[in-house]
PDB file of N, CA and C in Angstrom:
ATOM      1  N   MET A   1     -18.287 -13.299   6.170  1.00  0.00           N
ATOM      2  CA  MET A   1     -17.084 -13.641   7.202  1.00  0.00           C
ATOM      3  C   MET A   1     -15.806 -13.692   6.578  1.00  0.00           C
ATOM      4  N   LYS A   2     -15.730 -14.413   5.408  1.00  0.00           N
ATOM      5  CA  LYS A   2     -14.638 -14.499   4.515  1.00  0.00           C
ATOM      6  C   LYS A   2     -13.752 -13.306   4.537  1.00  0.00           C
ATOM      7  N   LYS A   3     -14.463 -12.268   3.951  1.00  0.00           N
ATOM      8  CA  LYS A   3     -13.938 -10.801   3.631  1.00  0.00           C
ATOM      9  C   LYS A   3     -13.275 -10.440   5.029  1.00  0.00           C
ATOM     10  N   LEU A   4     -14.004 -10.381   6.148  1.00  0.00           N
ATOM     11  CA  LEU A   4     -13.485  -9.826   7.276  1.00  0.00           C
ATOM     12  C   LEU A   4     -12.113 -10.594   7.747  1.00  0.00           C
ATOM     13  N   VAL A   5     -12.105 -11.878   7.569  1.00  0.00           N
ATOM     14  CA  VAL A   5     -10.886 -12.697   7.905  1.00  0.00           C
ATOM     15  C   VAL A   5      -9.803 -12.337   6.955  1.00  0.00           C
ATOM     16  N   GLN A   6     -10.031 -12.056   5.675  1.00  0.00           N
ATOM     17  CA  GLN A   6      -9.014 -11.568   4.606  1.00  0.00           C
ATOM     18  C   GLN A   6      -8.487 -10.160   5.025  1.00  0.00           C
ATOM     19  N   LEU A   7      -9.312  -9.379   5.398  1.00  0.00           N
ATOM     20  CA  LEU A   7      -9.006  -7.955   5.941  1.00  0.00           C
ATOM     21  C   LEU A   7      -8.113  -8.099   7.167  1.00  0.00           C
ATOM     22  N   ALA A   8      -8.542  -8.889   8.240  1.00  0.00           N
ATOM     23  CA  ALA A   8      -7.808  -8.951   9.396  1.00  0.00           C
ATOM     24  C   ALA A   8      -6.434  -9.580   9.059  1.00  0.00           C
ATOM     25  N   LYS A   9      -6.131 -10.472   8.096  1.00  0.00           N
ATOM     26  CA  LYS A   9      -4.897 -10.902   7.841  1.00  0.00           C
ATOM     27  C   LYS A   9      -4.021  -9.788   7.209  1.00  0.00           C
ATOM     28  N   ILE A  10      -4.648  -8.940   6.306  1.00  0.00           N
ATOM     29  CA  ILE A  10      -3.891  -7.862   5.797  1.00  0.00           C
ATOM     30  C   ILE A  10      -3.496  -6.835   6.753  1.00  0.00           C
ATOM     31  N   PHE A  11      -4.264  -6.498   7.645  1.00  0.00           N
ATOM     32  CA  PHE A  11      -4.062  -5.461   8.634  1.00  0.00           C
ATOM     33  C   PHE A  11      -3.264  -5.935   9.819  1.00  0.00           C
ATOM     34  N   SER A  12      -2.823  -7.323   9.873  1.00  0.00           N
ATOM     35  CA  SER A  12      -2.032  -7.870  10.864  1.00  0.00           C
ATOM     36  C   SER A  12      -0.653  -7.838  10.612  1.00  0.00           C
ATOM     37  N   ASP A  13      -0.286  -7.357   9.428  1.00  0.00           N
ATOM     38  CA  ASP A  13       1.170  -7.273   9.115  1.00  0.00           C
ATOM     39  C   ASP A  13       1.506  -5.677   8.983  1.00  0.00           C
ATOM     40  N   SER A  14       2.603  -5.394   9.714  1.00  0.00           N
ATOM     41  CA  SER A  14       3.070  -4.085   9.784  1.00  0.00           C
ATOM     42  C   SER A  14       3.552  -3.463   8.330  1.00  0.00           C
ATOM     43  N   ASN A  15       4.161  -4.288   7.562  1.00  0.00           N
ATOM     44  CA  ASN A  15       4.598  -3.870   6.361  1.00  0.00           C
ATOM     45  C   ASN A  15       3.491  -3.501   5.292  1.00  0.00           C
ATOM     46  N   ARG A  16       2.431  -4.447   5.394  1.00  0.00           N
ATOM     47  CA  ARG A  16       1.277  -3.993   4.632  1.00  0.00           C
ATOM     48  C   ARG A  16       0.527  -2.624   5.142  1.00  0.00           C
ATOM     49  N   VAL A  17       0.466  -2.696   6.499  1.00  0.00           N
ATOM     50  CA  VAL A  17      -0.157  -1.199   6.999  1.00  0.00           C
ATOM     51  C   VAL A  17       0.655  -0.002   6.414  1.00  0.00           C
ATOM     52  N   LYS A  18       2.125  -0.173   6.573  1.00  0.00           N
ATOM     53  CA  LYS A  18       2.964   0.899   6.071  1.00  0.00           C
ATOM     54  C   LYS A  18       2.837   1.221   4.513  1.00  0.00           C
ATOM     55  N   ILE A  19       2.788   0.147   3.646  1.00  0.00           N
ATOM     56  CA  ILE A  19       2.350   0.390   2.382  1.00  0.00           C
ATOM     57  C   ILE A  19       0.848   1.151   2.094  1.00  0.00           C
ATOM     58  N   ILE A  20       0.041   0.723   2.997  1.00  0.00           N
ATOM     59  CA  ILE A  20      -1.448   1.505   2.825  1.00  0.00           C
ATOM     60  C   ILE A  20      -1.185   2.852   3.291  1.00  0.00           C
ATOM     61  N   ALA A  21      -0.475   3.112   4.322  1.00  0.00           N
ATOM     62  CA  ALA A  21      -0.193   4.405   4.679  1.00  0.00           C
ATOM     63  C   ALA A  21       0.478   5.292   3.788  1.00  0.00           C
ATOM     64  N   LEU A  22       1.538   4.751   3.196  1.00  0.00           N
ATOM     65  CA  LEU A  22       2.266   5.491   2.146  1.00  0.00           C
ATOM     66  C   LEU A  22       1.285   5.809   0.835  1.00  0.00           C
ATOM     67  N   MET A  23       0.625   4.831   0.610  1.00  0.00           N
ATOM     68  CA  MET A  23      -0.383   5.140  -0.631  1.00  0.00           C
ATOM     69  C   MET A  23      -1.270   6.227  -0.257  1.00  0.00           C
ATOM     70  N   HIS A  24      -1.690   6.204   0.956  1.00  0.00           N
ATOM     71  CA  HIS A  24      -2.600   7.250   1.473  1.00  0.00           C
ATOM     72  C   HIS A  24      -1.988   8.507   1.422  1.00  0.00           C
ATOM     73  N   ARG A  25      -0.721   8.724   1.782  1.00  0.00           N
ATOM     74  CA  ARG A  25       0.097   9.940   1.894  1.00  0.00           C
ATOM     75  C   ARG A  25       0.512  10.502   0.549  1.00  0.00           C
ATOM     76  N   GLU A  26       0.901   9.492  -0.384  1.00  0.00           N
ATOM     77  CA  GLU A  26       1.338   9.827  -1.763  1.00  0.00           C
ATOM     78  C   GLU A  26       0.358   9.655  -2.813  1.00  0.00           C
ATOM     79  N   LYS A  27      -0.859   9.197  -2.668  1.00  0.00           N
ATOM     80  CA  LYS A  27      -1.842   8.953  -3.581  1.00  0.00           C
ATOM     81  C   LYS A  27      -1.637   7.773  -4.583  1.00  0.00           C
ATOM     82  N   GLU A  28      -0.406   7.760  -5.213  1.00  0.00           N
ATOM     83  CA  GLU A  28      -0.124   6.810  -6.102  1.00  0.00           C
ATOM     84  C   GLU A  28       1.279   6.364  -5.971  1.00  0.00           C
ATOM     85  N   LEU A  29       1.674   5.149  -6.023  1.00  0.00           N
ATOM     86  CA  LEU A  29       3.144   4.570  -6.058  1.00  0.00           C
ATOM     87  C   LEU A  29       3.306   3.391  -6.964  1.00  0.00           C
ATOM     88  N   CYS A  30       4.513   3.302  -7.404  1.00  0.00           N
ATOM     89  CA  CYS A  30       4.872   2.161  -8.134  1.00  0.00           C
ATOM     90  C   CYS A  30       5.619   1.317  -7.188  1.00  0.00           C
ATOM     91  N   VAL A  31       5.755  -0.093  -7.480  1.00  0.00           N
ATOM     92  CA  VAL A  31       6.395  -0.986  -6.715  1.00  0.00           C
ATOM     93  C   VAL A  31       7.868  -0.696  -6.168  1.00  0.00           C
ATOM     94  N   CYS A  32       8.614  -0.066  -7.090  1.00  0.00           N
ATOM     95  CA  CYS A  32       9.972   0.357  -6.719  1.00  0.00           C
ATOM     96  C   CYS A  32      10.047   1.407  -5.756  1.00  0.00           C
ATOM     97  N   GLU A  33       9.077   2.239  -5.753  1.00  0.00           N
ATOM     98  CA  GLU A  33       9.061   3.310  -4.786  1.00  0.00           C
ATOM     99  C   GLU A  33       8.811   2.803  -3.380  1.00  0.00           C
ATOM    100  N   ILE A  34       7.774   1.774  -3.378  1.00  0.00           N
ATOM    101  CA  ILE A  34       7.604   1.196  -2.147  1.00  0.00           C
ATOM    102  C   ILE A  34       8.824   0.378  -1.586  1.00  0.00           C
ATOM    103  N   CYS A  35       9.343  -0.183  -2.431  1.00  0.00           N
ATOM    104  CA  CYS A  35      10.574  -1.068  -2.087  1.00  0.00           C
ATOM    105  C   CYS A  35      11.702  -0.214  -1.569  1.00  0.00           C
ATOM    106  N   ASP A  36      11.952   0.823  -2.309  1.00  0.00           N
ATOM    107  CA  ASP A  36      13.140   1.722  -1.998  1.00  0.00           C
ATOM    108  C   ASP A  36      12.900   2.418  -0.707  1.00  0.00           C
ATOM    109  N   THR A  37      11.547   2.948  -0.577  1.00  0.00           N
ATOM    110  CA  THR A  37      11.182   3.666   0.723  1.00  0.00           C
ATOM    111  C   THR A  37      11.103   2.845   2.028  1.00  0.00           C
ATOM    112  N   LEU A  38      10.700   1.662   1.910  1.00  0.00           N
ATOM    113  CA  LEU A  38      10.588   0.841   3.171  1.00  0.00           C
ATOM    114  C   LEU A  38      11.628  -0.111   3.262  1.00  0.00           C
ATOM    115  N   GLY A  39      12.474  -0.124   2.405  1.00  0.00           N
ATOM    116  CA  GLY A  39      13.687  -1.221   2.395  1.00  0.00           C
ATOM    117  C   GLY A  39      13.108  -2.607   2.285  1.00  0.00           C
ATOM    118  N   LEU A  40      12.146  -2.914   1.402  1.00  0.00           N
ATOM    119  CA  LEU A  40      11.678  -4.271   1.314  1.00  0.00           C
ATOM    120  C   LEU A  40      11.993  -4.888  -0.131  1.00  0.00           C
ATOM    121  N   SER A  41      12.031  -5.963  -0.226  1.00  0.00           N
ATOM    122  CA  SER A  41      12.408  -6.694  -1.504  1.00  0.00           C
ATOM    123  C   SER A  41      11.116  -6.587  -2.451  1.00  0.00           C
ATOM    124  N   GLN A  42      11.435  -6.606  -3.677  1.00  0.00           N
ATOM    125  CA  GLN A  42      10.473  -6.326  -4.755  1.00  0.00           C
ATOM    126  C   GLN A  42       9.345  -7.765  -4.735  1.00  0.00           C
ATOM    127  N   PRO A  43       9.849  -8.926  -4.495  1.00  0.00           N
ATOM    128  CA  PRO A  43       8.929  -9.924  -4.492  1.00  0.00           C
ATOM    129  C   PRO A  43       8.013  -9.962  -3.104  1.00  0.00           C
ATOM    130  N   LEU A  44       8.515  -9.445  -2.066  1.00  0.00           N
ATOM    131  CA  LEU A  44       7.698  -9.234  -0.921  1.00  0.00           C
ATOM    132  C   LEU A  44       6.638  -8.223  -1.006  1.00  0.00           C
ATOM    133  N   VAL A  45       7.009  -7.057  -1.595  1.00  0.00           N
ATOM    134  CA  VAL A  45       6.010  -6.016  -1.970  1.00  0.00           C
ATOM    135  C   VAL A  45       4.967  -6.440  -2.941  1.00  0.00           C
ATOM    136  N   SER A  46       5.392  -6.975  -3.897  1.00  0.00           N
ATOM    137  CA  SER A  46       4.450  -7.628  -4.874  1.00  0.00           C
ATOM    138  C   SER A  46       3.475  -8.466  -4.291  1.00  0.00           C
ATOM    139  N   ARG A  47       3.948  -9.403  -3.422  1.00  0.00           N
ATOM    140  CA  ARG A  47       2.987 -10.383  -2.723  1.00  0.00           C
ATOM    141  C   ARG A  47       1.909  -9.561  -1.869  1.00  0.00           C
ATOM    142  N   HIS A  48       2.487  -8.641  -1.134  1.00  0.00           N
ATOM    143  CA  HIS A  48       1.667  -7.844  -0.310  1.00  0.00           C
ATOM    144  C   HIS A  48       0.580  -7.254  -1.085  1.00  0.00           C
ATOM    145  N   LEU A  49       0.970  -6.521  -2.126  1.00  0.00           N
ATOM    146  CA  LEU A  49       0.072  -5.654  -3.116  1.00  0.00           C
ATOM    147  C   LEU A  49      -0.845  -6.759  -3.775  1.00  0.00           C
ATOM    148  N   LYS A  50      -0.371  -7.892  -4.116  1.00  0.00           N
ATOM    149  CA  LYS A  50      -1.498  -8.910  -4.661  1.00  0.00           C
ATOM    150  C   LYS A  50      -2.504  -9.218  -3.552  1.00  0.00           C
ATOM    151  N   GLN A  51      -2.227  -9.398  -2.436  1.00  0.00           N
ATOM    152  CA  GLN A  51      -3.181  -9.695  -1.247  1.00  0.00           C
ATOM    153  C   GLN A  51      -4.072  -8.521  -1.005  1.00  0.00           C
ATOM    154  N   MET A  52      -3.466  -7.238  -1.233  1.00  0.00           N
ATOM    155  CA  MET A  52      -4.396  -6.139  -1.060  1.00  0.00           C
ATOM    156  C   MET A  52      -5.266  -5.963  -2.143  1.00  0.00           C
ATOM    157  N   ARG A  53      -4.874  -6.326  -3.323  1.00  0.00           N
ATOM    158  CA  ARG A  53      -5.817  -6.136  -4.662  1.00  0.00           C
ATOM    159  C   ARG A  53      -6.901  -7.079  -4.442  1.00  0.00           C
ATOM    160  N   GLU A  54      -6.617  -8.445  -4.079  1.00  0.00           N
ATOM    161  CA  GLU A  54      -7.564  -9.276  -4.027  1.00  0.00           C
ATOM    162  C   GLU A  54      -8.528  -9.035  -3.022  1.00  0.00           C
ATOM    163  N   ALA A  55      -8.150  -8.340  -1.854  1.00  0.00           N
ATOM    164  CA  ALA A  55      -9.111  -7.920  -0.782  1.00  0.00           C
ATOM    165  C   ALA A  55      -9.871  -6.582  -1.269  1.00  0.00           C
ATOM    166  N   GLN A  56      -9.520  -6.057  -2.300  1.00  0.00           N
ATOM    167  CA  GLN A  56     -10.131  -4.887  -2.954  1.00  0.00           C
ATOM    168  C   GLN A  56      -9.759  -3.693  -2.224  1.00  0.00           C
ATOM    169  N   LEU A  57      -8.653  -3.594  -1.673  1.00  0.00           N
ATOM    170  CA  LEU A  57      -8.004  -2.367  -0.931  1.00  0.00           C
ATOM    171  C   LEU A  57      -7.208  -1.469  -1.817  1.00  0.00           C
ATOM    172  N   VAL A  58      -6.794  -1.965  -2.895  1.00  0.00           N
ATOM    173  CA  VAL A  58      -5.776  -1.202  -3.716  1.00  0.00           C
ATOM    174  C   VAL A  58      -6.375  -1.487  -5.183  1.00  0.00           C
ATOM    175  N   GLN A  59      -6.108  -0.400  -5.967  1.00  0.00           N
ATOM    176  CA  GLN A  59      -6.436  -0.591  -7.407  1.00  0.00           C
ATOM    177  C   GLN A  59      -5.176  -0.246  -8.186  1.00  0.00           C
ATOM    178  N   THR A  60      -4.954  -0.751  -9.343  1.00  0.00           N
ATOM    179  CA  THR A  60      -3.938  -0.476 -10.287  1.00  0.00           C
ATOM    180  C   THR A  60      -4.341   0.107 -11.650  1.00  0.00           C
ATOM    181  N   LYS A  61      -3.365   0.956 -12.177  1.00  0.00           N
ATOM    182  CA  LYS A  61      -3.395   1.349 -13.395  1.00  0.00           C
ATOM    183  C   LYS A  61      -2.072   1.305 -14.049  1.00  0.00           C
ATOM    184  N   GLN A  62      -2.107   1.063 -15.515  1.00  0.00           N
ATOM    185  CA  GLN A  62      -0.823   0.975 -16.283  1.00  0.00           C
ATOM    186  C   GLN A  62      -0.470   2.389 -16.596  1.00  0.00           C
ATOM    187  N   SER A  63       0.932   2.712 -16.418  1.00  0.00           N
ATOM    188  CA  SER A  63       1.436   3.937 -16.999  1.00  0.00           C
ATOM    189  C   SER A  63       2.761   3.466 -17.714  1.00  0.00           C
ATOM    190  N   GLY A  64       2.605   3.529 -19.074  1.00  0.00           N
ATOM    191  CA  GLY A  64       3.699   2.917 -19.722  1.00  0.00           C
ATOM    192  C   GLY A  64       4.035   1.518 -19.423  1.00  0.00           C
ATOM    193  N   LYS A  65       5.383   1.127 -18.999  1.00  0.00           N
ATOM    194  CA  LYS A  65       5.627   0.004 -18.462  1.00  0.00           C
ATOM    195  C   LYS A  65       5.346  -0.187 -17.004  1.00  0.00           C
ATOM    196  N   TRP A  66       4.973   0.811 -16.380  1.00  0.00           N
ATOM    197  CA  TRP A  66       4.760   0.852 -14.891  1.00  0.00           C
ATOM    198  C   TRP A  66       3.458   0.356 -14.292  1.00  0.00           C
ATOM    199  N   MET A  67       3.220  -0.407 -13.324  1.00  0.00           N
ATOM    200  CA  MET A  67       1.944  -0.522 -12.853  1.00  0.00           C
ATOM    201  C   MET A  67       1.789   0.513 -11.431  1.00  0.00           C
ATOM    202  N   ILE A  68       0.892   1.122 -11.501  1.00  0.00           N
ATOM    203  CA  ILE A  68       0.723   2.142 -10.383  1.00  0.00           C
ATOM    204  C   ILE A  68      -0.301   1.686  -9.419  1.00  0.00           C
ATOM    205  N   TYR A  69      -0.094   1.811  -8.049  1.00  0.00           N
ATOM    206  CA  TYR A  69      -1.045   1.271  -7.242  1.00  0.00           C
ATOM    207  C   TYR A  69      -1.561   2.668  -6.455  1.00  0.00           C
ATOM    208  N   SER A  70      -2.889   2.513  -6.039  1.00  0.00           N
ATOM    209  CA  SER A  70      -3.478   3.473  -5.333  1.00  0.00           C
ATOM    210  C   SER A  70      -4.563   2.737  -4.500  1.00  0.00           C
ATOM    211  N   LEU A  71      -5.001   3.496  -3.410  1.00  0.00           N
ATOM    212  CA  LEU A  71      -6.082   2.966  -2.640  1.00  0.00           C
ATOM    213  C   LEU A  71      -7.493   3.017  -3.197  1.00  0.00           C
ATOM    214  N   PHE A  72      -8.338   1.992  -2.892  1.00  0.00           N
ATOM    215  CA  PHE A  72      -9.750   2.196  -3.119  1.00  0.00           C
ATOM    216  C   PHE A  72     -10.297   3.070  -1.903  1.00  0.00           C
ATOM    217  N   GLU A  73     -11.193   3.864  -2.303  1.00  0.00           N
ATOM    218  CA  GLU A  73     -11.865   4.887  -1.240  1.00  0.00           C
ATOM    219  C   GLU A  73     -12.964   3.899  -0.784  1.00  0.00           C
ATOM    220  N   ASN A  74     -12.971   3.462   0.548  1.00  0.00           N
ATOM    221  CA  ASN A  74     -13.889   2.869   1.131  1.00  0.00           C
ATOM    222  C   ASN A  74     -13.884   2.940   2.767  1.00  0.00           C
ATOM    223  N   GLU A  75     -14.829   2.488   3.440  1.00  0.00           N
ATOM    224  CA  GLU A  75     -14.985   2.639   4.785  1.00  0.00           C
ATOM    225  C   GLU A  75     -13.875   1.959   5.661  1.00  0.00           C
ATOM    226  N   THR A  76     -13.628   0.739   5.115  1.00  0.00           N
ATOM    227  CA  THR A  76     -12.517  -0.013   5.720  1.00  0.00           C
ATOM    228  C   THR A  76     -11.153   0.882   5.885  1.00  0.00           C
ATOM    229  N   ILE A  77     -10.764   1.447   4.605  1.00  0.00           N
ATOM    230  CA  ILE A  77      -9.570   2.190   4.568  1.00  0.00           C
ATOM    231  C   ILE A  77      -9.759   3.446   5.432  1.00  0.00           C
ATOM    232  N   HIS A  78     -10.834   4.063   5.377  1.00  0.00           N
ATOM    233  CA  HIS A  78     -10.918   5.301   6.307  1.00  0.00           C
ATOM    234  C   HIS A  78     -10.834   4.936   7.679  1.00  0.00           C
ATOM    235  N   CYS A  79     -11.253   3.953   8.230  1.00  0.00           N
ATOM    236  CA  CYS A  79     -11.251   3.441   9.630  1.00  0.00           C
ATOM    237  C   CYS A  79      -9.870   3.201   9.942  1.00  0.00           C
ATOM    238  N   LEU A  80      -9.023   2.366   9.110  1.00  0.00           N
ATOM    239  CA  LEU A  80      -7.803   2.209   9.429  1.00  0.00           C
ATOM    240  C   LEU A  80      -6.855   3.436   9.474  1.00  0.00           C
ATOM    241  N   LEU A  81      -7.047   4.311   8.424  1.00  0.00           N
ATOM    242  CA  LEU A  81      -6.304   5.532   8.244  1.00  0.00           C
ATOM    243  C   LEU A  81      -6.521   6.525   9.592  1.00  0.00           C
ATOM    244  N   ASP A  82      -7.730   6.459   9.881  1.00  0.00           N
ATOM    245  CA  ASP A  82      -7.870   7.167  11.274  1.00  0.00           C
ATOM    246  C   ASP A  82      -7.171   6.772  12.437  1.00  0.00           C
ATOM    247  N   THR A  83      -7.071   5.452  12.499  1.00  0.00           N
ATOM    248  CA  THR A  83      -6.355   4.899  13.633  1.00  0.00           C
ATOM    249  C   THR A  83      -4.862   4.990  13.590  1.00  0.00           C
ATOM    250  N   ILE A  84      -4.298   4.985  12.357  1.00  0.00           N
ATOM    251  CA  ILE A  84      -2.941   5.221  12.184  1.00  0.00           C
ATOM    252  C   ILE A  84      -2.291   6.575  11.804  1.00  0.00           C
ATOM    253  N   GLN A  85      -3.365   7.630  11.745  1.00  0.00           N
ATOM    254  CA  GLN A  85      -2.830   8.893  11.174  1.00  0.00           C
ATOM    255  C   GLN A  85      -1.639   9.497  11.760  1.00  0.00           C
ATOM    256  N   GLU A  86      -1.396   9.314  12.978  1.00  0.00           N
ATOM    257  CA  GLU A  86      -0.081   9.917  13.588  1.00  0.00           C
ATOM    258  C   GLU A  86       1.052   9.334  13.161  1.00  0.00           C
ATOM    259  N   ASP A  87       0.960   7.943  12.801  1.00  0.00           N
ATOM    260  CA  ASP A  87       2.099   7.069  12.273  1.00  0.00           C
ATOM    261  C   ASP A  87       2.596   7.374  10.957  1.00  0.00           C
ATOM    262  N   ILE A  88       1.413   7.915  10.141  1.00  0.00           N
ATOM    263  CA  ILE A  88       1.806   8.185   8.686  1.00  0.00           C
ATOM    264  C   ILE A  88       2.812   9.110   8.555  1.00  0.00           C
ATOM    265  N   ASP A  89       2.882  10.219   9.429  1.00  0.00           N
ATOM    266  CA  ASP A  89       3.942  11.409   9.425  1.00  0.00           C
ATOM    267  C   ASP A  89       5.203  10.800   9.809  1.00  0.00           C
ATOM    268  N   THR A  90       5.294   9.780  10.403  1.00  0.00           N
ATOM    269  CA  THR A  90       6.691   9.212  10.927  1.00  0.00           C
ATOM    270  C   THR A  90       7.271   8.239   9.540  1.00  0.00           C
ATOM    271  N   LEU A  91       6.519   8.043   8.768  1.00  0.00           N
ATOM    272  CA  LEU A  91       7.100   7.168   7.685  1.00  0.00           C
ATOM    273  C   LEU A  91       8.224   7.944   6.927  1.00  0.00           C
ATOM    274  N   PRO A  92       9.006   7.115   6.231  1.00  0.00           N
ATOM    275  CA  PRO A  92      10.285   7.848   5.534  1.00  0.00           C
ATOM    276  C   PRO A  92       9.647   8.538   4.324  1.00  0.00           C
ATOM    277  N   LYS A  93      10.496   9.495   3.855  1.00  0.00           N
ATOM    278  CA  LYS A  93      10.115  10.332   2.652  1.00  0.00           C
ATOM    279  C   LYS A  93      10.183   9.273   1.404  1.00  0.00           C
ATOM    280  N   ILE A  94       9.442   9.494   0.589  1.00  0.00           N
ATOM    281  CA  ILE A  94       9.394   8.774  -0.703  1.00  0.00           C
ATOM    282  C   ILE A  94      10.694   8.664  -1.503  1.00  0.00           C
ATOM    283  N   ILE A  95      11.213   7.616  -1.803  1.00  0.00           N
ATOM    284  CA  ILE A  95      12.178   7.318  -2.762  1.00  0.00           C
ATOM    285  C   ILE A  95      11.663   7.322  -4.005  1.00  0.00           C
ATOM    286  N   SER A  96      11.663   8.380  -5.053  1.00  0.00           N
ATOM    287  CA  SER A  96      11.189   8.249  -6.300  1.00  0.00           C
ATOM    288  C   SER A  96      11.887   7.437  -7.243  1.00  0.00           C
ATOM    289  N   CYS A  97      11.176   6.726  -8.164  1.00  0.00           N
ATOM    290  CA  CYS A  97      11.938   6.063  -9.099  1.00  0.00           C
ATOM    291  C   CYS A  97      12.462   7.140 -10.113  1.00  0.00           C
ATOM    292  N   ALA A  98      13.633   6.820 -10.493  1.00  0.00           N
ATOM    293  CA  ALA A  98      14.330   7.972 -11.455  1.00  0.00           C
ATOM    294  C   ALA A  98      13.805   7.466 -12.848  1.00  0.00           C
ATOM    295  N   THR A  99      13.255   6.363 -13.067  1.00  0.00           N
ATOM    296  CA  THR A  99      12.950   6.028 -14.482  1.00  0.00           C
ATOM    297  C   THR A  99      11.379   6.124 -14.712  1.00  0.00           C
ATOM    298  N   ARG A 100      10.695   6.451 -13.668  1.00  0.00           N
ATOM    299  CA  ARG A 100       9.168   6.527 -13.933  1.00  0.00           C
ATOM    300  C   ARG A 100       8.781   8.023 -14.385  1.00  0.00           C
TER     301      ARG A 100
END
């Protein structure tokens, strides 16, 4: 039951859902790309990503000095993505990090 409540909290925030949708569309993103694309602060995005990592929705890998985020492939994510598929296309185009 704890896991379900944790996931419900994550999916109840529109910014977290947008971050998940962007990761689905782009496959891999760094924090600055998410911040610049969605117009969100770095501390806010990092907090959202931490919650998603703890819920095992996203995974990370180190690329030089950058932390790269991507989705774990699981049933929960597929169910969510099926629900928001139309909205994914309305998200802004990724603003890429010039330094990555």
